[in-house]
PDB file of all heavy atoms in Angstrom:
ATOM      1  N   ASP A   1     -15.170 -21.543 -20.331  1.00  0.00           N
ATOM      2  CA  ASP A   1     -15.431 -21.222 -18.929  1.00  0.00           C
ATOM      3  C   ASP A   1     -14.540 -20.117 -18.374  1.00  0.00           C
ATOM      4  O   ASP A   1     -14.603 -19.816 -17.198  1.00  0.00           O
ATOM      5  CB  ASP A   1     -15.234 -22.481 -18.066  1.00  0.00           C
ATOM      6  CG  ASP A   1     -16.274 -23.526 -18.364  1.00  0.00           C
ATOM      7  OD1 ASP A   1     -17.396 -23.132 -18.745  1.00  0.00           O
ATOM      8  OD2 ASP A   1     -15.965 -24.714 -18.229  1.00  0.00           O
ATOM      9  N   ARG A   2     -13.707 -19.517 -19.202  1.00  0.00           N
ATOM     10  CA  ARG A   2     -12.843 -18.435 -18.736  1.00  0.00           C
ATOM     11  C   ARG A   2     -13.641 -17.151 -18.577  1.00  0.00           C
ATOM     12  O   ARG A   2     -14.651 -16.939 -19.245  1.00  0.00           O
ATOM     13  CB  ARG A   2     -11.702 -18.192 -19.710  1.00  0.00           C
ATOM     14  CG  ARG A   2     -10.678 -19.282 -19.683  1.00  0.00           C
ATOM     15  CD  ARG A   2      -9.485 -18.879 -20.488  1.00  0.00           C
ATOM     16  NE  ARG A   2      -8.444 -19.884 -20.364  1.00  0.00           N
ATOM     17  CZ  ARG A   2      -7.233 -19.728 -20.812  1.00  0.00           C
ATOM     18  NH1 ARG A   2      -6.907 -18.610 -21.415  1.00  0.00           N
ATOM     19  NH2 ARG A   2      -6.347 -20.664 -20.666  1.00  0.00           N
ATOM     20  N   LEU A   3     -13.140 -16.279 -17.699  1.00  0.00           N
ATOM     21  CA  LEU A   3     -13.783 -14.976 -17.524  1.00  0.00           C
ATOM     22  C   LEU A   3     -13.416 -14.069 -18.679  1.00  0.00           C
ATOM     23  O   LEU A   3     -12.256 -13.987 -19.063  1.00  0.00           O
ATOM     24  CB  LEU A   3     -13.316 -14.340 -16.210  1.00  0.00           C
ATOM     25  CG  LEU A   3     -13.744 -15.031 -14.925  1.00  0.00           C
ATOM     26  CD1 LEU A   3     -13.104 -14.353 -13.741  1.00  0.00           C
ATOM     27  CD2 LEU A   3     -15.248 -14.986 -14.797  1.00  0.00           C
ATOM     28  N   PRO A   4     -14.387 -13.351 -19.253  1.00  0.00           N
ATOM     29  CA  PRO A   4     -14.063 -12.443 -20.354  1.00  0.00           C
ATOM     30  C   PRO A   4     -13.327 -11.203 -19.849  1.00  0.00           C
ATOM     31  O   PRO A   4     -13.473 -10.792 -18.705  1.00  0.00           O
ATOM     32  CB  PRO A   4     -15.428 -12.082 -20.936  1.00  0.00           C
ATOM     33  CG  PRO A   4     -16.390 -12.325 -19.837  1.00  0.00           C
ATOM     34  CD  PRO A   4     -15.818 -13.429 -18.998  1.00  0.00           C
ATOM     35  N   PHE A   5     -12.548 -10.609 -20.751  1.00  0.00           N
ATOM     36  CA  PHE A   5     -11.780  -9.413 -20.396  1.00  0.00           C
ATOM     37  C   PHE A   5     -12.712  -8.251 -20.085  1.00  0.00           C
ATOM     38  O   PHE A   5     -12.517  -7.526 -19.114  1.00  0.00           O
ATOM     39  CB  PHE A   5     -10.846  -9.058 -21.564  1.00  0.00           C
ATOM     40  CG  PHE A   5      -9.978  -7.877 -21.291  1.00  0.00           C
ATOM     41  CD1 PHE A   5      -8.850  -8.004 -20.507  1.00  0.00           C
ATOM     42  CD2 PHE A   5     -10.278  -6.642 -21.821  1.00  0.00           C
ATOM     43  CE1 PHE A   5      -8.038  -6.924 -20.243  1.00  0.00           C
ATOM     44  CE2 PHE A   5      -9.477  -5.551 -21.568  1.00  0.00           C
ATOM     45  CZ  PHE A   5      -8.347  -5.691 -20.780  1.00  0.00           C
ATOM     46  N   HIS A   6     -13.726  -8.073 -20.939  1.00  0.00           N
ATOM     47  CA  HIS A   6     -14.691  -6.999 -20.720  1.00  0.00           C
ATOM     48  C   HIS A   6     -16.002  -7.633 -20.291  1.00  0.00           C
ATOM     49  O   HIS A   6     -16.448  -8.579 -20.914  1.00  0.00           O
ATOM     50  CB  HIS A   6     -14.881  -6.200 -22.015  1.00  0.00           C
ATOM     51  CG  HIS A   6     -15.824  -5.062 -21.879  1.00  0.00           C
ATOM     52  ND1 HIS A   6     -15.475  -3.908 -21.228  1.00  0.00           N
ATOM     53  CD2 HIS A   6     -17.095  -4.900 -22.284  1.00  0.00           C
ATOM     54  CE1 HIS A   6     -16.506  -3.074 -21.251  1.00  0.00           C
ATOM     55  NE2 HIS A   6     -17.495  -3.662 -21.895  1.00  0.00           N
ATOM     56  N   PRO A   7     -16.601  -7.235 -19.234  1.00  0.00           N
ATOM     57  CA  PRO A   7     -16.439  -6.043 -18.408  1.00  0.00           C
ATOM     58  C   PRO A   7     -15.647  -6.278 -17.125  1.00  0.00           C
ATOM     59  O   PRO A   7     -15.338  -5.315 -16.432  1.00  0.00           O
ATOM     60  CB  PRO A   7     -17.871  -5.683 -18.062  1.00  0.00           C
ATOM     61  CG  PRO A   7     -18.551  -7.010 -17.933  1.00  0.00           C
ATOM     62  CD  PRO A   7     -17.895  -7.886 -18.970  1.00  0.00           C
ATOM     63  N   TYR A   8     -15.277  -7.533 -16.810  1.00  0.00           N
ATOM     64  CA  TYR A   8     -14.725  -7.828 -15.486  1.00  0.00           C
ATOM     65  C   TYR A   8     -13.364  -7.163 -15.252  1.00  0.00           C
ATOM     66  O   TYR A   8     -13.177  -6.416 -14.301  1.00  0.00           O
ATOM     67  CB  TYR A   8     -14.619  -9.345 -15.279  1.00  0.00           C
ATOM     68  CG  TYR A   8     -15.957 -10.033 -15.364  1.00  0.00           C
ATOM     69  CD1 TYR A   8     -16.258 -10.873 -16.421  1.00  0.00           C
ATOM     70  CD2 TYR A   8     -16.922  -9.814 -14.393  1.00  0.00           C
ATOM     71  CE1 TYR A   8     -17.484 -11.492 -16.507  1.00  0.00           C
ATOM     72  CE2 TYR A   8     -18.150 -10.428 -14.463  1.00  0.00           C
ATOM     73  CZ  TYR A   8     -18.434 -11.261 -15.526  1.00  0.00           C
ATOM     74  OH  TYR A   8     -19.647 -11.868 -15.617  1.00  0.00           O
ATOM     75  N   PHE A   9     -12.402  -7.435 -16.115  1.00  0.00           N
ATOM     76  CA  PHE A   9     -11.065  -6.896 -15.904  1.00  0.00           C
ATOM     77  C   PHE A   9     -11.012  -5.402 -16.217  1.00  0.00           C
ATOM     78  O   PHE A   9     -10.247  -4.666 -15.607  1.00  0.00           O
ATOM     79  CB  PHE A   9     -10.042  -7.671 -16.741  1.00  0.00           C
ATOM     80  CG  PHE A   9      -9.856  -9.081 -16.262  1.00  0.00           C
ATOM     81  CD1 PHE A   9     -10.447 -10.140 -16.925  1.00  0.00           C
ATOM     82  CD2 PHE A   9      -9.103  -9.335 -15.131  1.00  0.00           C
ATOM     83  CE1 PHE A   9     -10.292 -11.428 -16.485  1.00  0.00           C
ATOM     84  CE2 PHE A   9      -8.942 -10.625 -14.674  1.00  0.00           C
ATOM     85  CZ  PHE A   9      -9.533 -11.680 -15.346  1.00  0.00           C
ATOM     86  N   VAL A  10     -11.802  -4.947 -17.181  1.00  0.00           N
ATOM     87  CA  VAL A  10     -11.851  -3.515 -17.490  1.00  0.00           C
ATOM     88  C   VAL A  10     -12.381  -2.748 -16.288  1.00  0.00           C
ATOM     89  O   VAL A  10     -11.821  -1.714 -15.895  1.00  0.00           O
ATOM     90  CB  VAL A  10     -12.721  -3.257 -18.741  1.00  0.00           C
ATOM     91  CG1 VAL A  10     -12.946  -1.776 -18.952  1.00  0.00           C
ATOM     92  CG2 VAL A  10     -12.073  -3.865 -19.965  1.00  0.00           C
ATOM     93  N   PHE A  11     -13.440  -3.229 -15.683  1.00  0.00           N
ATOM     94  CA  PHE A  11     -14.004  -2.543 -14.517  1.00  0.00           C
ATOM     95  C   PHE A  11     -13.017  -2.543 -13.348  1.00  0.00           C
ATOM     96  O   PHE A  11     -12.838  -1.537 -12.671  1.00  0.00           O
ATOM     97  CB  PHE A  11     -15.318  -3.209 -14.094  1.00  0.00           C
ATOM     98  CG  PHE A  11     -15.951  -2.546 -12.904  1.00  0.00           C
ATOM     99  CD1 PHE A  11     -16.572  -1.319 -13.036  1.00  0.00           C
ATOM    100  CD2 PHE A  11     -15.901  -3.148 -11.666  1.00  0.00           C
ATOM    101  CE1 PHE A  11     -17.144  -0.699 -11.942  1.00  0.00           C
ATOM    102  CE2 PHE A  11     -16.470  -2.539 -10.559  1.00  0.00           C
ATOM    103  CZ  PHE A  11     -17.094  -1.305 -10.700  1.00  0.00           C
ATOM    104  N   LYS A  12     -12.358  -3.669 -13.124  1.00  0.00           N
ATOM    105  CA  LYS A  12     -11.374  -3.749 -12.045  1.00  0.00           C
ATOM    106  C   LYS A  12     -10.250  -2.744 -12.263  1.00  0.00           C
ATOM    107  O   LYS A  12      -9.839  -2.035 -11.335  1.00  0.00           O
ATOM    108  CB  LYS A  12     -10.800  -5.158 -11.970  1.00  0.00           C
ATOM    109  CG  LYS A  12      -9.717  -5.339 -10.917  1.00  0.00           C
ATOM    110  CD  LYS A  12      -9.137  -6.732 -10.946  1.00  0.00           C
ATOM    111  CE  LYS A  12      -8.259  -6.960 -12.135  1.00  0.00           C
ATOM    112  NZ  LYS A  12      -6.952  -6.346 -12.063  1.00  0.00           N
ATOM    113  N   ASP A  13      -9.762  -2.622 -13.484  1.00  0.00           N
ATOM    114  CA  ASP A  13      -8.692  -1.676 -13.777  1.00  0.00           C
ATOM    115  C   ASP A  13      -9.178  -0.238 -13.694  1.00  0.00           C
ATOM    116  O   ASP A  13      -8.448   0.645 -13.239  1.00  0.00           O
ATOM    117  CB  ASP A  13      -8.102  -1.961 -15.151  1.00  0.00           C
ATOM    118  CG  ASP A  13      -7.338  -3.274 -15.181  1.00  0.00           C
ATOM    119  OD1 ASP A  13      -6.986  -3.766 -14.095  1.00  0.00           O
ATOM    120  OD2 ASP A  13      -7.106  -3.802 -16.281  1.00  0.00           O
ATOM    121  N   LEU A  14     -10.397   0.024 -14.134  1.00  0.00           N
ATOM    122  CA  LEU A  14     -10.926   1.389 -14.074  1.00  0.00           C
ATOM    123  C   LEU A  14     -11.129   1.852 -12.632  1.00  0.00           C
ATOM    124  O   LEU A  14     -10.940   3.033 -12.326  1.00  0.00           O
ATOM    125  CB  LEU A  14     -12.229   1.498 -14.854  1.00  0.00           C
ATOM    126  CG  LEU A  14     -12.085   1.560 -16.371  1.00  0.00           C
ATOM    127  CD1 LEU A  14     -13.462   1.623 -17.024  1.00  0.00           C
ATOM    128  CD2 LEU A  14     -11.248   2.745 -16.787  1.00  0.00           C
ATOM    129  N   VAL A  15     -11.506   0.954 -11.751  1.00  0.00           N
ATOM    130  CA  VAL A  15     -11.633   1.326 -10.336  1.00  0.00           C
ATOM    131  C   VAL A  15     -10.284   1.774  -9.795  1.00  0.00           C
ATOM    132  O   VAL A  15     -10.171   2.795  -9.106  1.00  0.00           O
ATOM    133  CB  VAL A  15     -12.194   0.137  -9.513  1.00  0.00           C
ATOM    134  CG1 VAL A  15     -12.028   0.376  -8.024  1.00  0.00           C
ATOM    135  CG2 VAL A  15     -13.653  -0.089  -9.854  1.00  0.00           C
ATOM    136  N   THR A  16      -9.234   1.053 -10.131  1.00  0.00           N
ATOM    137  CA  THR A  16      -7.896   1.425  -9.684  1.00  0.00           C
ATOM    138  C   THR A  16      -7.461   2.757 -10.280  1.00  0.00           C
ATOM    139  O   THR A  16      -6.908   3.614  -9.580  1.00  0.00           O
ATOM    140  CB  THR A  16      -6.891   0.329 -10.069  1.00  0.00           C
ATOM    141  OG1 THR A  16      -7.348  -0.922  -9.556  1.00  0.00           O
ATOM    142  CG2 THR A  16      -5.519   0.631  -9.531  1.00  0.00           C
ATOM    143  N   VAL A  17      -7.722   2.977 -11.555  1.00  0.00           N
ATOM    144  CA  VAL A  17      -7.343   4.236 -12.207  1.00  0.00           C
ATOM    145  C   VAL A  17      -8.092   5.400 -11.583  1.00  0.00           C
ATOM    146  O   VAL A  17      -7.504   6.449 -11.284  1.00  0.00           O
ATOM    147  CB  VAL A  17      -7.594   4.145 -13.729  1.00  0.00           C
ATOM    148  CG1 VAL A  17      -7.509   5.511 -14.385  1.00  0.00           C
ATOM    149  CG2 VAL A  17      -6.608   3.193 -14.366  1.00  0.00           C
ATOM    150  N   PHE A  18      -9.390   5.258 -11.377  1.00  0.00           N
ATOM    151  CA  PHE A  18     -10.162   6.356 -10.797  1.00  0.00           C
ATOM    152  C   PHE A  18      -9.776   6.626  -9.347  1.00  0.00           C
ATOM    153  O   PHE A  18      -9.763   7.775  -8.908  1.00  0.00           O
ATOM    154  CB  PHE A  18     -11.659   6.084 -10.903  1.00  0.00           C
ATOM    155  CG  PHE A  18     -12.190   6.264 -12.293  1.00  0.00           C
ATOM    156  CD1 PHE A  18     -13.071   5.342 -12.827  1.00  0.00           C
ATOM    157  CD2 PHE A  18     -11.816   7.343 -13.077  1.00  0.00           C
ATOM    158  CE1 PHE A  18     -13.563   5.502 -14.106  1.00  0.00           C
ATOM    159  CE2 PHE A  18     -12.297   7.519 -14.355  1.00  0.00           C
ATOM    160  CZ  PHE A  18     -13.171   6.580 -14.874  1.00  0.00           C
ATOM    161  N   LEU A  19      -9.441   5.589  -8.599  1.00  0.00           N
ATOM    162  CA  LEU A  19      -8.967   5.798  -7.229  1.00  0.00           C
ATOM    163  C   LEU A  19      -7.638   6.558  -7.224  1.00  0.00           C
ATOM    164  O   LEU A  19      -7.447   7.490  -6.438  1.00  0.00           O
ATOM    165  CB  LEU A  19      -8.815   4.452  -6.517  1.00  0.00           C
ATOM    166  CG  LEU A  19      -8.409   4.521  -5.057  1.00  0.00           C
ATOM    167  CD1 LEU A  19      -9.498   5.203  -4.232  1.00  0.00           C
ATOM    168  CD2 LEU A  19      -8.135   3.139  -4.523  1.00  0.00           C
ATOM    169  N   PHE A  20      -6.737   6.201  -8.135  1.00  0.00           N
ATOM    170  CA  PHE A  20      -5.472   6.925  -8.249  1.00  0.00           C
ATOM    171  C   PHE A  20      -5.708   8.377  -8.640  1.00  0.00           C
ATOM    172  O   PHE A  20      -5.090   9.290  -8.076  1.00  0.00           O
ATOM    173  CB  PHE A  20      -4.562   6.242  -9.279  1.00  0.00           C
ATOM    174  CG  PHE A  20      -3.359   7.071  -9.630  1.00  0.00           C
ATOM    175  CD1 PHE A  20      -2.291   7.164  -8.757  1.00  0.00           C
ATOM    176  CD2 PHE A  20      -3.303   7.760 -10.824  1.00  0.00           C
ATOM    177  CE1 PHE A  20      -1.183   7.934  -9.070  1.00  0.00           C
ATOM    178  CE2 PHE A  20      -2.213   8.536 -11.145  1.00  0.00           C
ATOM    179  CZ  PHE A  20      -1.147   8.624 -10.263  1.00  0.00           C
ATOM    180  N   LEU A  21      -6.597   8.615  -9.616  1.00  0.00           N
ATOM    181  CA  LEU A  21      -6.879   9.993 -10.040  1.00  0.00           C
ATOM    182  C   LEU A  21      -7.536  10.797  -8.923  1.00  0.00           C
ATOM    183  O   LEU A  21      -7.283  12.005  -8.800  1.00  0.00           O
ATOM    184  CB  LEU A  21      -7.763   9.988 -11.289  1.00  0.00           C
ATOM    185  CG  LEU A  21      -7.078   9.512 -12.572  1.00  0.00           C
ATOM    186  CD1 LEU A  21      -8.079   9.471 -13.712  1.00  0.00           C
ATOM    187  CD2 LEU A  21      -5.896  10.386 -12.912  1.00  0.00           C
ATOM    188  N   LEU A  22      -8.350  10.166  -8.094  1.00  0.00           N
ATOM    189  CA  LEU A  22      -8.958  10.856  -6.963  1.00  0.00           C
ATOM    190  C   LEU A  22      -7.910  11.285  -5.944  1.00  0.00           C
ATOM    191  O   LEU A  22      -7.913  12.431  -5.481  1.00  0.00           O
ATOM    192  CB  LEU A  22     -10.005   9.950  -6.307  1.00  0.00           C
ATOM    193  CG  LEU A  22     -10.752  10.534  -5.112  1.00  0.00           C
ATOM    194  CD1 LEU A  22     -11.659  11.660  -5.584  1.00  0.00           C
ATOM    195  CD2 LEU A  22     -11.535   9.467  -4.406  1.00  0.00           C
ATOM    196  N   VAL A  23      -6.986  10.380  -5.614  1.00  0.00           N
ATOM    197  CA  VAL A  23      -5.905  10.719  -4.679  1.00  0.00           C
ATOM    198  C   VAL A  23      -5.002  11.787  -5.278  1.00  0.00           C
ATOM    199  O   VAL A  23      -4.597  12.737  -4.592  1.00  0.00           O
ATOM    200  CB  VAL A  23      -5.111   9.455  -4.297  1.00  0.00           C
ATOM    201  CG1 VAL A  23      -3.845   9.800  -3.526  1.00  0.00           C
ATOM    202  CG2 VAL A  23      -5.981   8.506  -3.500  1.00  0.00           C
ATOM    203  N   LEU A  24      -4.692  11.684  -6.561  1.00  0.00           N
ATOM    204  CA  LEU A  24      -3.862  12.687  -7.229  1.00  0.00           C
ATOM    205  C   LEU A  24      -4.535  14.052  -7.229  1.00  0.00           C
ATOM    206  O   LEU A  24      -3.904  15.075  -6.918  1.00  0.00           O
ATOM    207  CB  LEU A  24      -3.557  12.251  -8.657  1.00  0.00           C
ATOM    208  CG  LEU A  24      -2.728  13.221  -9.491  1.00  0.00           C
ATOM    209  CD1 LEU A  24      -1.312  13.334  -8.931  1.00  0.00           C
ATOM    210  CD2 LEU A  24      -2.701  12.797 -10.936  1.00  0.00           C
ATOM    211  N   ALA A  25      -5.834  14.103  -7.555  1.00  0.00           N
ATOM    212  CA  ALA A  25      -6.557  15.375  -7.569  1.00  0.00           C
ATOM    213  C   ALA A  25      -6.640  15.978  -6.171  1.00  0.00           C
ATOM    214  O   ALA A  25      -6.480  17.194  -5.999  1.00  0.00           O
ATOM    215  CB  ALA A  25      -7.962  15.175  -8.147  1.00  0.00           C
ATOM    216  N   ALA A  26      -6.878  15.155  -5.158  1.00  0.00           N
ATOM    217  CA  ALA A  26      -6.924  15.673  -3.792  1.00  0.00           C
ATOM    218  C   ALA A  26      -5.576  16.249  -3.384  1.00  0.00           C
ATOM    219  O   ALA A  26      -5.503  17.305  -2.744  1.00  0.00           O
ATOM    220  CB  ALA A  26      -7.344  14.559  -2.830  1.00  0.00           C
ATOM    221  N   THR A  27      -4.494  15.590  -3.767  1.00  0.00           N
ATOM    222  CA  THR A  27      -3.163  16.103  -3.443  1.00  0.00           C
ATOM    223  C   THR A  27      -2.875  17.391  -4.185  1.00  0.00           C
ATOM    224  O   THR A  27      -2.362  18.351  -3.612  1.00  0.00           O
ATOM    225  CB  THR A  27      -2.093  15.048  -3.784  1.00  0.00           C
ATOM    226  OG1 THR A  27      -2.399  13.837  -3.097  1.00  0.00           O
ATOM    227  CG2 THR A  27      -0.716  15.524  -3.386  1.00  0.00           C
ATOM    228  N   VAL A  28      -3.201  17.443  -5.458  1.00  0.00           N
ATOM    229  CA  VAL A  28      -2.903  18.634  -6.269  1.00  0.00           C
ATOM    230  C   VAL A  28      -3.727  19.834  -5.818  1.00  0.00           C
ATOM    231  O   VAL A  28      -3.205  20.948  -5.702  1.00  0.00           O
ATOM    232  CB  VAL A  28      -3.142  18.328  -7.763  1.00  0.00           C
ATOM    233  CG1 VAL A  28      -3.156  19.598  -8.592  1.00  0.00           C
ATOM    234  CG2 VAL A  28      -2.089  17.379  -8.282  1.00  0.00           C
ATOM    235  N   PHE A  29      -4.999  19.638  -5.530  1.00  0.00           N
ATOM    236  CA  PHE A  29      -5.873  20.774  -5.242  1.00  0.00           C
ATOM    237  C   PHE A  29      -5.909  21.179  -3.769  1.00  0.00           C
ATOM    238  O   PHE A  29      -6.118  22.344  -3.456  1.00  0.00           O
ATOM    239  CB  PHE A  29      -7.296  20.479  -5.722  1.00  0.00           C
ATOM    240  CG  PHE A  29      -7.385  20.390  -7.219  1.00  0.00           C
ATOM    241  CD1 PHE A  29      -7.865  19.246  -7.817  1.00  0.00           C
ATOM    242  CD2 PHE A  29      -6.975  21.443  -8.026  1.00  0.00           C
ATOM    243  CE1 PHE A  29      -7.954  19.148  -9.186  1.00  0.00           C
ATOM    244  CE2 PHE A  29      -7.057  21.349  -9.396  1.00  0.00           C
ATOM    245  CZ  PHE A  29      -7.542  20.202  -9.987  1.00  0.00           C
ATOM    246  N   TYR A  30      -5.712  20.232  -2.848  1.00  0.00           N
ATOM    247  CA  TYR A  30      -5.844  20.558  -1.433  1.00  0.00           C
ATOM    248  C   TYR A  30      -4.516  20.610  -0.686  1.00  0.00           C
ATOM    249  O   TYR A  30      -4.437  21.233   0.370  1.00  0.00           O
ATOM    250  CB  TYR A  30      -6.781  19.567  -0.738  1.00  0.00           C
ATOM    251  CG  TYR A  30      -8.198  19.686  -1.243  1.00  0.00           C
ATOM    252  CD1 TYR A  30      -8.781  18.656  -1.969  1.00  0.00           C
ATOM    253  CD2 TYR A  30      -8.935  20.826  -1.002  1.00  0.00           C
ATOM    254  CE1 TYR A  30     -10.073  18.752  -2.432  1.00  0.00           C
ATOM    255  CE2 TYR A  30     -10.236  20.941  -1.470  1.00  0.00           C
ATOM    256  CZ  TYR A  30     -10.785  19.904  -2.188  1.00  0.00           C
ATOM    257  OH  TYR A  30     -12.066  20.019  -2.648  1.00  0.00           O
TER     258      TYR A  30
END
């Protein structure tokens, strides 16, 4: 009954990584 690592935790971590990269890119370019 445990939640599997993929796709739940992978997706949660990827959202955080992409949000960080978006803020980083906005800071670097603008």
